[in-house]
């Protein structure tokens, strides 16, 4: 993979997720898995691109939300290994 961003030649796409809507746990897990995929791919290819930005483009979720999801995943795996990795924010 070359060092060019994946969206070269494309205009900024409109986010697929509506602003202000909470992502459900399955969507959060998908974003997490896409991030992990691009991280592995970047390390294998010695490519130079921002994994968070590429994940944002691939999933239609903002880069800030990708960061929040990765932070949530890091906190959950470190402190609680039982139960689901992600929880829908509006559910208790």
N, C-alpha and C. Protein backbone atom coordinates (compact mmCIF):
# COMPACT_ATOMS: atom_id res chain seq x y z
N UNK A 1 0.86 -1.17 0.00
CA UNK A 1 0.00 0.00 0.00
C UNK A 1 0.90 1.23 0.00
N UNK A 2 0.59 2.18 -0.84
CA UNK A 2 1.40 3.38 -0.88
C UNK A 2 1.06 4.31 0.27
N UNK A 3 1.80 5.39 0.39
CA UNK A 3 1.62 6.27 1.53
C UNK A 3 0.56 7.34 1.31
N UNK A 4 -0.15 7.28 0.19
CA UNK A 4 -1.22 8.24 -0.09
C UNK A 4 -2.46 7.87 0.74
N UNK A 5 -3.22 8.88 1.17
CA UNK A 5 -4.45 8.59 1.88
C UNK A 5 -5.41 7.83 0.98
N UNK A 6 -6.27 7.04 1.59
CA UNK A 6 -7.19 6.22 0.82
C UNK A 6 -8.22 7.05 0.07
N UNK A 7 -8.47 8.27 0.51
CA UNK A 7 -9.51 9.07 -0.11
C UNK A 7 -8.97 10.04 -1.14
N UNK A 8 -7.76 9.81 -1.66
CA UNK A 8 -7.20 10.76 -2.60
C UNK A 8 -8.08 10.85 -3.83
N UNK A 9 -8.36 12.08 -4.24
CA UNK A 9 -9.20 12.30 -5.40
C UNK A 9 -10.68 12.39 -5.08
N UNK A 10 -11.05 12.09 -3.85
CA UNK A 10 -12.46 12.16 -3.47
C UNK A 10 -12.69 13.43 -2.65
N UNK A 11 -13.89 13.98 -2.78
CA UNK A 11 -14.23 15.09 -1.91
C UNK A 11 -14.57 14.54 -0.53
N UNK A 12 -14.65 15.41 0.45
CA UNK A 12 -14.97 14.95 1.79
C UNK A 12 -16.37 14.37 1.81
N UNK A 13 -16.50 13.07 2.10
CA UNK A 13 -17.82 12.48 2.12
C UNK A 13 -18.61 12.92 3.34
N UNK A 14 -19.92 12.94 3.20
CA UNK A 14 -20.80 13.28 4.31
C UNK A 14 -20.80 12.11 5.29
N UNK A 15 -20.69 12.38 6.58
CA UNK A 15 -20.70 11.28 7.55
C UNK A 15 -21.97 10.43 7.42
N UNK A 16 -21.81 9.12 7.52
CA UNK A 16 -22.94 8.21 7.38
C UNK A 16 -23.79 8.18 8.65
N UNK A 17 -23.22 8.55 9.77
CA UNK A 17 -23.92 8.52 11.04
C UNK A 17 -24.42 9.93 11.35
N UNK A 18 -25.68 10.04 11.71
CA UNK A 18 -26.25 11.35 12.02
C UNK A 18 -25.60 11.92 13.27
N UNK A 19 -25.39 13.21 13.25
CA UNK A 19 -24.75 13.87 14.37
C UNK A 19 -25.67 13.83 15.59
N UNK A 20 -25.12 13.51 16.75
CA UNK A 20 -25.88 13.48 17.98
C UNK A 20 -26.52 12.14 18.28
N UNK A 21 -26.43 11.20 17.36
CA UNK A 21 -26.99 9.86 17.59
C UNK A 21 -25.93 8.97 18.23
N UNK A 22 -26.34 8.23 19.23
CA UNK A 22 -25.41 7.31 19.90
C UNK A 22 -25.23 6.06 19.04
N UNK A 23 -23.99 5.60 18.94
CA UNK A 23 -23.73 4.36 18.23
C UNK A 23 -24.04 3.18 19.13
N UNK A 24 -24.73 2.23 18.61
CA UNK A 24 -25.03 1.02 19.39
C UNK A 24 -23.77 0.17 19.55
N UNK A 25 -23.85 -0.79 20.42
CA UNK A 25 -22.68 -1.59 20.76
C UNK A 25 -22.13 -2.33 19.54
N UNK A 26 -23.00 -2.83 18.66
CA UNK A 26 -22.52 -3.55 17.48
C UNK A 26 -21.76 -2.61 16.55
N UNK A 27 -22.24 -1.39 16.38
CA UNK A 27 -21.56 -0.42 15.53
C UNK A 27 -20.21 -0.04 16.14
N UNK A 28 -20.16 0.09 17.44
CA UNK A 28 -18.90 0.40 18.12
C UNK A 28 -17.89 -0.73 17.92
N UNK A 29 -18.37 -1.95 17.98
CA UNK A 29 -17.48 -3.09 17.78
C UNK A 29 -16.96 -3.13 16.34
N UNK A 30 -17.79 -2.78 15.38
CA UNK A 30 -17.35 -2.74 13.99
C UNK A 30 -16.27 -1.68 13.79
N UNK A 31 -16.49 -0.50 14.35
CA UNK A 31 -15.48 0.56 14.25
C UNK A 31 -14.17 0.09 14.88
N UNK A 32 -14.25 -0.56 16.03
CA UNK A 32 -13.07 -1.09 16.71
C UNK A 32 -12.34 -2.10 15.82
N UNK A 33 -13.09 -3.01 15.20
CA UNK A 33 -12.48 -4.03 14.35
C UNK A 33 -11.84 -3.42 13.10
N UNK A 34 -12.48 -2.42 12.51
CA UNK A 34 -11.90 -1.74 11.35
C UNK A 34 -10.60 -1.03 11.75
N UNK A 35 -10.60 -0.38 12.92
CA UNK A 35 -9.39 0.28 13.41
C UNK A 35 -8.27 -0.74 13.59
N UNK A 36 -8.58 -1.87 14.20
CA UNK A 36 -7.57 -2.92 14.41
C UNK A 36 -7.03 -3.43 13.07
N UNK A 37 -7.91 -3.59 12.10
CA UNK A 37 -7.50 -4.05 10.77
C UNK A 37 -6.51 -3.08 10.14
N UNK A 38 -6.85 -1.78 10.14
CA UNK A 38 -5.96 -0.80 9.53
C UNK A 38 -4.66 -0.65 10.31
N UNK A 39 -4.69 -0.84 11.62
CA UNK A 39 -3.47 -0.80 12.42
C UNK A 39 -2.54 -1.94 12.01
N UNK A 40 -3.09 -3.14 11.88
CA UNK A 40 -2.31 -4.30 11.47
C UNK A 40 -1.76 -4.10 10.06
N UNK A 41 -2.61 -3.61 9.17
CA UNK A 41 -2.21 -3.37 7.79
C UNK A 41 -1.09 -2.34 7.71
N UNK A 42 -1.20 -1.28 8.51
CA UNK A 42 -0.18 -0.23 8.52
C UNK A 42 1.16 -0.78 8.99
N UNK A 43 1.14 -1.60 10.03
CA UNK A 43 2.37 -2.18 10.57
C UNK A 43 2.99 -3.18 9.60
N UNK A 44 2.15 -3.97 8.91
CA UNK A 44 2.66 -4.96 7.96
C UNK A 44 3.28 -4.30 6.73
N UNK A 45 2.67 -3.20 6.26
CA UNK A 45 3.12 -2.56 5.03
C UNK A 45 4.11 -1.42 5.27
N UNK A 46 4.38 -1.10 6.53
CA UNK A 46 5.22 0.05 6.88
C UNK A 46 4.71 1.32 6.19
N UNK A 47 3.40 1.46 6.12
CA UNK A 47 2.78 2.62 5.48
C UNK A 47 2.71 3.78 6.47
N UNK A 48 2.51 4.97 5.93
CA UNK A 48 2.42 6.15 6.76
C UNK A 48 1.09 6.84 6.50
N UNK A 49 0.12 6.54 7.32
CA UNK A 49 -1.16 7.22 7.27
C UNK A 49 -1.77 7.19 8.67
N UNK A 50 -2.71 8.07 8.89
CA UNK A 50 -3.36 8.17 10.19
C UNK A 50 -4.47 7.13 10.26
N UNK A 51 -4.31 6.15 11.12
CA UNK A 51 -5.27 5.05 11.22
C UNK A 51 -6.64 5.55 11.63
N UNK A 52 -6.68 6.52 12.53
CA UNK A 52 -7.96 7.04 12.99
C UNK A 52 -8.71 7.72 11.86
N UNK A 53 -8.00 8.50 11.04
CA UNK A 53 -8.64 9.18 9.90
C UNK A 53 -9.13 8.18 8.86
N UNK A 54 -8.33 7.16 8.57
CA UNK A 54 -8.72 6.16 7.58
C UNK A 54 -9.92 5.36 8.08
N UNK A 55 -9.94 5.03 9.36
CA UNK A 55 -11.09 4.34 9.94
C UNK A 55 -12.33 5.20 9.86
N UNK A 56 -12.16 6.48 10.11
CA UNK A 56 -13.28 7.42 10.02
C UNK A 56 -13.86 7.43 8.61
N UNK A 57 -13.00 7.48 7.61
CA UNK A 57 -13.45 7.47 6.23
C UNK A 57 -14.13 6.16 5.86
N UNK A 58 -13.60 5.05 6.34
CA UNK A 58 -14.14 3.74 5.99
C UNK A 58 -15.49 3.46 6.64
N UNK A 59 -15.71 3.98 7.84
CA UNK A 59 -16.93 3.67 8.57
C UNK A 59 -17.97 4.77 8.53
N UNK A 60 -17.58 5.98 8.17
CA UNK A 60 -18.53 7.09 8.16
C UNK A 60 -18.77 7.69 9.52
N UNK A 61 -17.90 7.37 10.47
CA UNK A 61 -17.98 7.90 11.83
C UNK A 61 -16.87 8.94 11.96
N UNK A 62 -17.11 9.99 12.72
CA UNK A 62 -16.10 11.04 12.84
C UNK A 62 -14.83 10.50 13.51
N UNK A 63 -13.72 11.15 13.22
CA UNK A 63 -12.44 10.74 13.80
C UNK A 63 -12.46 10.87 15.31
N UNK A 64 -13.15 11.87 15.82
CA UNK A 64 -13.26 12.05 17.26
C UNK A 64 -13.99 10.87 17.91
N UNK A 65 -15.07 10.42 17.26
CA UNK A 65 -15.81 9.28 17.78
C UNK A 65 -14.97 8.01 17.74
N UNK A 66 -14.19 7.84 16.67
CA UNK A 66 -13.28 6.70 16.60
C UNK A 66 -12.33 6.73 17.80
N UNK A 67 -11.82 7.90 18.12
CA UNK A 67 -10.94 8.03 19.29
C UNK A 67 -11.64 7.66 20.58
N UNK A 68 -12.88 8.12 20.73
CA UNK A 68 -13.65 7.78 21.94
C UNK A 68 -13.87 6.27 22.04
N UNK A 69 -14.17 5.64 20.92
CA UNK A 69 -14.41 4.19 20.92
C UNK A 69 -13.13 3.45 21.29
N UNK A 70 -12.00 3.88 20.76
CA UNK A 70 -10.74 3.21 21.07
C UNK A 70 -10.38 3.40 22.54
N UNK A 71 -10.67 4.58 23.07
CA UNK A 71 -10.42 4.83 24.49
C UNK A 71 -11.32 3.94 25.35
N UNK A 72 -12.58 3.81 24.96
CA UNK A 72 -13.51 2.95 25.68
C UNK A 72 -13.05 1.50 25.65
N UNK A 73 -12.57 1.05 24.50
CA UNK A 73 -12.09 -0.33 24.36
C UNK A 73 -10.87 -0.55 25.25
N UNK A 74 -9.98 0.42 25.30
CA UNK A 74 -8.79 0.29 26.15
C UNK A 74 -9.14 0.23 27.61
N UNK A 75 -10.12 1.04 28.03
CA UNK A 75 -10.55 1.04 29.42
C UNK A 75 -11.25 -0.25 29.79
N UNK A 76 -12.07 -0.77 28.90
CA UNK A 76 -12.83 -1.99 29.20
C UNK A 76 -11.92 -3.21 29.26
N UNK A 77 -10.98 -3.33 28.33
CA UNK A 77 -10.14 -4.52 28.31
C UNK A 77 -9.17 -4.53 29.49
N UNK A 78 -8.77 -3.36 29.95
CA UNK A 78 -7.82 -3.30 31.06
C UNK A 78 -8.49 -3.60 32.39
N UNK A 79 -9.73 -3.15 32.56
CA UNK A 79 -10.35 -3.25 33.87
C UNK A 79 -11.33 -4.42 34.00
N UNK A 80 -12.02 -4.78 32.91
CA UNK A 80 -13.08 -5.77 33.01
C UNK A 80 -13.01 -6.72 31.83
N UNK A 81 -12.57 -7.92 32.05
CA UNK A 81 -12.44 -8.88 30.96
C UNK A 81 -13.70 -9.72 30.78
N UNK A 82 -14.67 -9.60 31.66
CA UNK A 82 -15.91 -10.34 31.52
C UNK A 82 -16.99 -9.45 30.95
N UNK A 83 -17.94 -10.04 30.26
CA UNK A 83 -19.04 -9.26 29.67
C UNK A 83 -18.66 -8.69 28.33
N UNK A 84 -19.60 -7.99 27.71
CA UNK A 84 -19.34 -7.45 26.38
C UNK A 84 -18.30 -6.32 26.41
N UNK A 85 -17.60 -6.18 25.30
CA UNK A 85 -16.57 -5.15 25.20
C UNK A 85 -17.19 -3.77 25.13
N UNK A 86 -18.30 -3.63 24.42
CA UNK A 86 -18.97 -2.34 24.26
C UNK A 86 -20.41 -2.44 24.74
N UNK A 87 -20.90 -1.33 25.27
CA UNK A 87 -22.26 -1.24 25.75
C UNK A 87 -22.91 -0.03 25.08
N UNK A 88 -24.15 -0.17 24.64
CA UNK A 88 -24.86 0.96 24.07
C UNK A 88 -25.02 2.02 25.15
N UNK A 89 -24.62 3.27 24.88
CA UNK A 89 -24.61 4.30 25.92
C UNK A 89 -25.97 4.59 26.53
N UNK A 90 -27.05 4.46 25.78
CA UNK A 90 -28.37 4.82 26.29
C UNK A 90 -29.02 3.70 27.09
N UNK A 91 -28.44 2.52 27.06
CA UNK A 91 -29.01 1.39 27.81
C UNK A 91 -28.32 1.27 29.16
N UNK A 92 -29.08 0.83 30.14
CA UNK A 92 -28.48 0.65 31.47
C UNK A 92 -28.58 -0.78 31.92
